Amino acid sequence: MTRHRSLPARVARRRAPLAASLLVMVLATVGCAGTDSDTQEPDRRSEPRASGGGDAPLPPPDEMPATSDYTDPFDEASPAISRLEPDLLEALRSAARDARADGQTMFVTSGWRSREHQQRLYDEAVQRYGSEEEARRYVALPDVSAHVTGEAVDIGPTDALSWLSQHGDRYGLCQTFANEMWHYELATEPGGDCPEMLPDGSARG
């Protein structure tokens, strides 16, 4: 009887380490499987979120450029300045001198443009605003653009624009479009009255 009872005890002692080893192997396998799953399945929290769809509002049109885009109206080396219509350039420089005397530094943010550049701006505007009709409110086609003929300048920064809005008619310089406070053309005689502003560029053609 003693021999029969001791046999299962010996077997149990032999099987205990084996069971423990098997348990360790199972746990290790599960842990590895979890690691593989984490590797194969990306962390969604780190993925960039998709931007809004077509209902997202468009940014404001033709925002004022950075200071690095400003050009001195006396810069003879810049085609944007040197190719302006001579009477416009003279009026611009006279205004810039007087503005400087009043403590305001006036820059040109866009002057003369080539037809190719104007066409590129127009094409970009069509993509941005979704239609040619809407694009023409802000960017003219090369055939009707006063920038291409050298008869328009865009002015900055904001303080200089404020000064020019008060004194521009002294030089014949007038804001042309109500939606572009920076766009000026030589539209009257010095000291004359500026014509009524057009609502936007599409009113010109």
C-alpha atoms as a PDB file:
ATOM      1  CA  MET A   1       0.000   0.000   0.000  1.00  0.00           C
ATOM      2  CA  THR A   2       2.818   2.394   0.879  1.00  0.00           C
ATOM      3  CA  ARG A   3       4.534   1.631  -2.443  1.00  0.00           C
ATOM      4  CA  HIS A   4       1.364   2.336  -4.418  1.00  0.00           C
ATOM      5  CA  ARG A   5       0.784   5.680  -2.650  1.00  0.00           C
ATOM      6  CA  SER A   6       4.383   6.851  -3.124  1.00  0.00           C
ATOM      7  CA  LEU A   7       4.334   6.220  -6.905  1.00  0.00           C
ATOM      8  CA  PRO A   8       1.843   8.996  -7.740  1.00  0.00           C
ATOM      9  CA  ALA A   9       3.770  11.362  -5.453  1.00  0.00           C
ATOM     10  CA  ARG A  10       6.982  10.750  -7.387  1.00  0.00           C
ATOM     11  CA  VAL A  11       5.150  11.225 -10.658  1.00  0.00           C
ATOM     12  CA  ALA A  12       3.583  14.423  -9.370  1.00  0.00           C
ATOM     13  CA  ARG A  13       6.997  15.730  -8.328  1.00  0.00           C
ATOM     14  CA  ARG A  14       8.380  14.957 -11.779  1.00  0.00           C
ATOM     15  CA  ARG A  15       5.431  16.550 -13.587  1.00  0.00           C
ATOM     16  CA  ALA A  16       5.371  19.757 -11.531  1.00  0.00           C
ATOM     17  CA  PRO A  17       8.484  21.288 -13.135  1.00  0.00           C
ATOM     18  CA  LEU A  18       7.217  20.198 -16.577  1.00  0.00           C
ATOM     19  CA  ALA A  19       3.863  21.907 -16.011  1.00  0.00           C
ATOM     20  CA  ALA A  20       5.598  25.037 -14.805  1.00  0.00           C
ATOM     21  CA  SER A  21       7.792  25.048 -17.915  1.00  0.00           C
ATOM     22  CA  LEU A  22       4.784  24.611 -20.175  1.00  0.00           C
ATOM     23  CA  LEU A  23       3.017  27.492 -18.409  1.00  0.00           C
ATOM     24  CA  VAL A  24       6.013  29.769 -18.939  1.00  0.00           C
ATOM     25  CA  MET A  25       6.134  28.815 -22.642  1.00  0.00           C
ATOM     26  CA  VAL A  26       2.417  29.561 -23.068  1.00  0.00           C
ATOM     27  CA  LEU A  27       2.725  32.942 -21.387  1.00  0.00           C
ATOM     28  CA  ALA A  28       5.759  33.791 -23.490  1.00  0.00           C
ATOM     29  CA  THR A  29       3.900  32.858 -26.667  1.00  0.00           C
ATOM     30  CA  VAL A  30       0.949  35.055 -25.726  1.00  0.00           C
ATOM     31  CA  GLY A  31       3.286  37.934 -24.950  1.00  0.00           C
ATOM     32  CA  CYS A  32       5.021  37.586 -28.310  1.00  0.00           C
ATOM     33  CA  ALA A  33       1.685  37.469 -30.087  1.00  0.00           C
ATOM     34  CA  GLY A  34       0.684  40.711 -28.375  1.00  0.00           C
ATOM     35  CA  THR A  35       3.970  42.312 -29.432  1.00  0.00           C
ATOM     36  CA  ASP A  36       3.452  41.264 -33.059  1.00  0.00           C
ATOM     37  CA  SER A  37      -0.068  42.654 -32.996  1.00  0.00           C
ATOM     38  CA  ASP A  38       1.178  46.021 -31.731  1.00  0.00           C
ATOM     39  CA  THR A  39       3.812  46.084 -34.450  1.00  0.00           C
ATOM     40  CA  GLN A  40       1.423  45.226 -37.243  1.00  0.00           C
ATOM     41  CA  GLU A  41      -1.393  47.519 -36.094  1.00  0.00           C
ATOM     42  CA  PRO A  42      -0.270  51.198 -36.165  1.00  0.00           C
ATOM     43  CA  ASP A  43      -1.066  53.529 -33.345  1.00  0.00           C
ATOM     44  CA  ARG A  44      -3.956  55.531 -34.753  1.00  0.00           C
ATOM     45  CA  ARG A  45      -3.320  58.347 -32.318  1.00  0.00           C
ATOM     46  CA  SER A  46      -0.043  59.200 -34.080  1.00  0.00           C
ATOM     47  CA  GLU A  47      -1.559  59.346 -37.576  1.00  0.00           C
ATOM     48  CA  PRO A  48      -2.281  62.777 -39.065  1.00  0.00           C
ATOM     49  CA  ARG A  49      -5.941  63.633 -39.189  1.00  0.00           C
ATOM     50  CA  ALA A  50      -7.520  64.288 -42.555  1.00  0.00           C
ATOM     51  CA  SER A  51      -8.277  67.896 -43.287  1.00  0.00           C
ATOM     52  CA  GLY A  52     -11.793  69.166 -43.706  1.00  0.00           C
ATOM     53  CA  GLY A  53     -13.710  68.603 -46.906  1.00  0.00           C
ATOM     54  CA  GLY A  54     -15.142  71.037 -49.386  1.00  0.00           C
ATOM     55  CA  ASP A  55     -17.145  72.831 -46.689  1.00  0.00           C
ATOM     56  CA  ALA A  56     -14.003  74.272 -45.091  1.00  0.00           C
ATOM     57  CA  PRO A  57     -13.913  78.085 -45.452  1.00  0.00           C
ATOM     58  CA  LEU A  58     -11.455  79.573 -47.895  1.00  0.00           C
ATOM     59  CA  PRO A  59      -8.680  81.779 -46.515  1.00  0.00           C
ATOM     60  CA  PRO A  60      -9.024  85.538 -47.018  1.00  0.00           C
ATOM     61  CA  PRO A  61      -8.207  86.588 -50.598  1.00  0.00           C
ATOM     62  CA  ASP A  62      -4.838  88.136 -51.401  1.00  0.00           C
ATOM     63  CA  GLU A  63      -3.518  88.546 -47.888  1.00  0.00           C
ATOM     64  CA  MET A  64      -0.772  91.108 -47.475  1.00  0.00           C
ATOM     65  CA  PRO A  65       2.605  89.522 -48.218  1.00  0.00           C
ATOM     66  CA  ALA A  66       5.393  89.117 -45.718  1.00  0.00           C
ATOM     67  CA  THR A  67       7.897  91.943 -45.266  1.00  0.00           C
ATOM     68  CA  SER A  68      10.462  89.951 -47.266  1.00  0.00           C
ATOM     69  CA  ASP A  69       8.227  90.432 -50.348  1.00  0.00           C
ATOM     70  CA  TYR A  70       8.330  94.231 -50.145  1.00  0.00           C
ATOM     71  CA  THR A  71      10.252  96.169 -52.816  1.00  0.00           C
ATOM     72  CA  ASP A  72      11.597  99.690 -52.437  1.00  0.00           C
ATOM     73  CA  PRO A  73       9.887 101.991 -54.965  1.00  0.00           C
ATOM     74  CA  PHE A  74      13.335 103.442 -55.756  1.00  0.00           C
ATOM     75  CA  ASP A  75      14.833 100.038 -56.652  1.00  0.00           C
ATOM     76  CA  GLU A  76      15.989 100.524 -60.242  1.00  0.00           C
ATOM     77  CA  ALA A  77      17.159  96.915 -60.569  1.00  0.00           C
ATOM     78  CA  SER A  78      13.698  95.448 -60.034  1.00  0.00           C
ATOM     79  CA  PRO A  79      11.604  95.007 -63.219  1.00  0.00           C
ATOM     80  CA  ALA A  80       8.506  95.251 -61.009  1.00  0.00           C
ATOM     81  CA  ILE A  81       9.521  98.893 -60.442  1.00  0.00           C
ATOM     82  CA  SER A  82      11.476  99.927 -63.545  1.00  0.00           C
ATOM     83  CA  ARG A  83       8.773  98.678 -65.958  1.00  0.00           C
ATOM     84  CA  LEU A  84       5.991 100.677 -64.368  1.00  0.00           C
ATOM     85  CA  GLU A  85       4.390 103.331 -66.571  1.00  0.00           C
ATOM     86  CA  PRO A  86       6.615 106.445 -66.140  1.00  0.00           C
ATOM     87  CA  ASP A  87       3.901 108.805 -64.860  1.00  0.00           C
ATOM     88  CA  LEU A  88       2.751 106.210 -62.312  1.00  0.00           C
ATOM     89  CA  LEU A  89       6.329 105.634 -61.174  1.00  0.00           C
ATOM     90  CA  GLU A  90       6.922 109.366 -60.724  1.00  0.00           C
ATOM     91  CA  ALA A  91       3.714 109.755 -58.704  1.00  0.00           C
ATOM     92  CA  LEU A  92       4.562 106.689 -56.610  1.00  0.00           C
ATOM     93  CA  ARG A  93       8.022 107.972 -55.758  1.00  0.00           C
ATOM     94  CA  SER A  94       6.730 111.437 -54.904  1.00  0.00           C
ATOM     95  CA  ALA A  95       4.211 109.873 -52.528  1.00  0.00           C
ATOM     96  CA  ALA A  96       6.882 107.607 -51.040  1.00  0.00           C
ATOM     97  CA  ARG A  97       9.168 110.578 -50.318  1.00  0.00           C
ATOM     98  CA  ASP A  98       6.407 112.521 -48.596  1.00  0.00           C
ATOM     99  CA  ALA A  99       5.269 109.467 -46.656  1.00  0.00           C
ATOM    100  CA  ARG A 100       8.815 108.972 -45.431  1.00  0.00           C
ATOM    101  CA  ALA A 101       8.902 112.580 -44.253  1.00  0.00           C
ATOM    102  CA  ASP A 102       5.786 111.748 -42.229  1.00  0.00           C
ATOM    103  CA  GLY A 103       7.493 108.719 -40.711  1.00  0.00           C
ATOM    104  CA  GLN A 104       5.886 106.087 -42.972  1.00  0.00           C
ATOM    105  CA  THR A 105       7.946 103.788 -45.159  1.00  0.00           C
ATOM    106  CA  MET A 106       6.082 102.801 -48.314  1.00  0.00           C
ATOM    107  CA  PHE A 107       6.857  99.622 -50.246  1.00  0.00           C
ATOM    108  CA  VAL A 108       5.587  97.997 -53.424  1.00  0.00           C
ATOM    109  CA  THR A 109       4.328  94.466 -52.845  1.00  0.00           C
ATOM    110  CA  SER A 110       3.582  93.924 -56.545  1.00  0.00           C
ATOM    111  CA  GLY A 111       4.195  96.189 -59.511  1.00  0.00           C
ATOM    112  CA  TRP A 112       4.724  95.303 -63.150  1.00  0.00           C
ATOM    113  CA  ARG A 113       4.045  91.639 -63.972  1.00  0.00           C
ATOM    114  CA  SER A 114       4.778  89.600 -67.058  1.00  0.00           C
ATOM    115  CA  ARG A 115       1.861  88.033 -68.917  1.00  0.00           C
ATOM    116  CA  GLU A 116       3.136  84.593 -67.900  1.00  0.00           C
ATOM    117  CA  HIS A 117       3.195  85.519 -64.234  1.00  0.00           C
ATOM    118  CA  GLN A 118      -0.263  87.068 -64.416  1.00  0.00           C
ATOM    119  CA  GLN A 119      -1.653  83.967 -66.121  1.00  0.00           C
ATOM    120  CA  ARG A 120      -0.131  81.781 -63.402  1.00  0.00           C
ATOM    121  CA  LEU A 121      -1.714  83.921 -60.703  1.00  0.00           C
ATOM    122  CA  TYR A 122      -5.062  83.692 -62.466  1.00  0.00           C
ATOM    123  CA  ASP A 123      -4.856  79.903 -62.840  1.00  0.00           C
ATOM    124  CA  GLU A 124      -4.003  79.571 -59.148  1.00  0.00           C
ATOM    125  CA  ALA A 125      -6.975  81.798 -58.254  1.00  0.00           C
ATOM    126  CA  VAL A 126      -9.341  79.594 -60.269  1.00  0.00           C
ATOM    127  CA  GLN A 127      -8.151  76.557 -58.307  1.00  0.00           C
ATOM    128  CA  ARG A 128      -8.381  78.418 -55.015  1.00  0.00           C
ATOM    129  CA  TYR A 129     -11.845  79.909 -55.457  1.00  0.00           C
ATOM    130  CA  GLY A 130     -13.397  77.139 -57.540  1.00  0.00           C
ATOM    131  CA  SER A 131     -14.522  79.056 -60.624  1.00  0.00           C
ATOM    132  CA  GLU A 132     -13.300  81.607 -63.155  1.00  0.00           C
ATOM    133  CA  GLU A 133     -16.115  83.968 -62.209  1.00  0.00           C
ATOM    134  CA  GLU A 134     -15.024  84.066 -58.568  1.00  0.00           C
ATOM    135  CA  ALA A 135     -11.325  84.195 -59.464  1.00  0.00           C
ATOM    136  CA  ARG A 136     -11.813  87.337 -61.583  1.00  0.00           C
ATOM    137  CA  ARG A 137     -12.953  89.201 -58.479  1.00  0.00           C
ATOM    138  CA  TYR A 138      -9.353  89.093 -57.245  1.00  0.00           C
ATOM    139  CA  VAL A 139      -7.049  88.365 -60.193  1.00  0.00           C
ATOM    140  CA  ALA A 140      -7.421  89.728 -63.722  1.00  0.00           C
ATOM    141  CA  LEU A 141      -6.674  87.896 -66.929  1.00  0.00           C
ATOM    142  CA  PRO A 142      -3.442  89.043 -68.602  1.00  0.00           C
ATOM    143  CA  ASP A 143      -5.348  90.889 -71.352  1.00  0.00           C
ATOM    144  CA  VAL A 144      -7.060  93.223 -68.877  1.00  0.00           C
ATOM    145  CA  SER A 145      -4.554  93.365 -66.016  1.00  0.00           C
ATOM    146  CA  ALA A 146      -3.221  96.836 -65.190  1.00  0.00           C
ATOM    147  CA  HIS A 147      -0.194  95.142 -63.648  1.00  0.00           C
ATOM    148  CA  VAL A 148       0.795  93.674 -67.025  1.00  0.00           C
ATOM    149  CA  THR A 149       0.711  97.116 -68.652  1.00  0.00           C
ATOM    150  CA  GLY A 150       2.614  98.640 -65.727  1.00  0.00           C
ATOM    151  CA  GLU A 151      -0.312 100.841 -64.716  1.00  0.00           C
ATOM    152  CA  ALA A 152      -0.954  99.476 -61.221  1.00  0.00           C
ATOM    153  CA  VAL A 153       0.936  98.938 -57.980  1.00  0.00           C
ATOM    154  CA  ASP A 154       0.096  97.074 -54.797  1.00  0.00           C
ATOM    155  CA  ILE A 155       1.289  98.960 -51.724  1.00  0.00           C
ATOM    156  CA  GLY A 156       2.259  97.963 -48.198  1.00  0.00           C
ATOM    157  CA  PRO A 157       2.534  97.782 -45.238  1.00  0.00           C
ATOM    158  CA  THR A 158      -0.756  98.650 -43.555  1.00  0.00           C
ATOM    159  CA  ASP A 159       0.460 101.940 -42.037  1.00  0.00           C
ATOM    160  CA  ALA A 160       1.634 103.151 -45.442  1.00  0.00           C
ATOM    161  CA  LEU A 161      -1.726 102.160 -46.921  1.00  0.00           C
ATOM    162  CA  SER A 162      -3.489 104.234 -44.293  1.00  0.00           C
ATOM    163  CA  TRP A 163      -1.313 107.210 -45.193  1.00  0.00           C
ATOM    164  CA  LEU A 164      -1.896 106.747 -48.934  1.00  0.00           C
ATOM    165  CA  SER A 165      -5.664 106.432 -48.504  1.00  0.00           C
ATOM    166  CA  GLN A 166      -5.623 109.929 -46.975  1.00  0.00           C
ATOM    167  CA  HIS A 167      -3.119 111.583 -49.311  1.00  0.00           C
ATOM    168  CA  GLY A 168      -3.043 109.565 -52.528  1.00  0.00           C
ATOM    169  CA  ASP A 169      -5.211 111.976 -54.526  1.00  0.00           C
ATOM    170  CA  ARG A 170      -2.510 114.653 -54.127  1.00  0.00           C
ATOM    171  CA  TYR A 171      -0.434 112.565 -56.532  1.00  0.00           C
ATOM    172  CA  GLY A 172      -3.273 111.239 -58.663  1.00  0.00           C
ATOM    173  CA  LEU A 173      -3.034 107.823 -56.967  1.00  0.00           C
ATOM    174  CA  CYS A 174      -6.385 106.184 -56.303  1.00  0.00           C
ATOM    175  CA  GLN A 175      -7.541 102.908 -54.812  1.00  0.00           C
ATOM    176  CA  THR A 176      -9.231 101.157 -57.717  1.00  0.00           C
ATOM    177  CA  PHE A 177     -11.161  98.236 -56.174  1.00  0.00           C
ATOM    178  CA  ALA A 178     -13.178  98.279 -52.963  1.00  0.00           C
ATOM    179  CA  ASN A 179     -12.017  94.753 -52.054  1.00  0.00           C
ATOM    180  CA  GLU A 180      -8.298  95.506 -52.568  1.00  0.00           C
ATOM    181  CA  MET A 181      -7.175  98.321 -50.319  1.00  0.00           C
ATOM    182  CA  TRP A 182      -3.581  97.870 -51.514  1.00  0.00           C
ATOM    183  CA  HIS A 183      -4.221  98.247 -55.293  1.00  0.00           C
ATOM    184  CA  TYR A 184      -3.519 101.764 -56.613  1.00  0.00           C
ATOM    185  CA  GLU A 185      -3.566 103.252 -60.089  1.00  0.00           C
ATOM    186  CA  LEU A 186      -2.908 106.712 -61.508  1.00  0.00           C
ATOM    187  CA  ALA A 187      -6.593 107.537 -62.037  1.00  0.00           C
ATOM    188  CA  THR A 188      -6.805 111.332 -61.760  1.00  0.00           C
ATOM    189  CA  GLU A 189      -4.724 114.482 -62.062  1.00  0.00           C
ATOM    190  CA  PRO A 190      -2.649 115.408 -58.996  1.00  0.00           C
ATOM    191  CA  GLY A 191      -5.030 117.084 -56.576  1.00  0.00           C
ATOM    192  CA  GLY A 192      -8.079 115.850 -58.489  1.00  0.00           C
ATOM    193  CA  ASP A 193     -10.941 113.693 -57.302  1.00  0.00           C
ATOM    194  CA  CYS A 194     -10.539 109.929 -57.469  1.00  0.00           C
ATOM    195  CA  PRO A 195     -13.273 108.087 -59.357  1.00  0.00           C
ATOM    196  CA  GLU A 196     -15.661 105.877 -57.480  1.00  0.00           C
ATOM    197  CA  MET A 197     -14.096 102.533 -56.665  1.00  0.00           C
ATOM    198  CA  LEU A 198     -15.233  99.429 -58.516  1.00  0.00           C
ATOM    199  CA  PRO A 199     -16.572  96.663 -56.242  1.00  0.00           C
ATOM    200  CA  ASP A 200     -13.877  94.243 -57.450  1.00  0.00           C
ATOM    201  CA  GLY A 201     -11.739  93.360 -60.459  1.00  0.00           C
ATOM    202  CA  SER A 202     -14.500  91.491 -62.262  1.00  0.00           C
ATOM    203  CA  ALA A 203     -16.320  94.805 -62.848  1.00  0.00           C
ATOM    204  CA  ARG A 204     -13.544  95.877 -65.202  1.00  0.00           C
ATOM    205  CA  GLY A 205     -13.828  92.899 -67.523  1.00  0.00           C
END
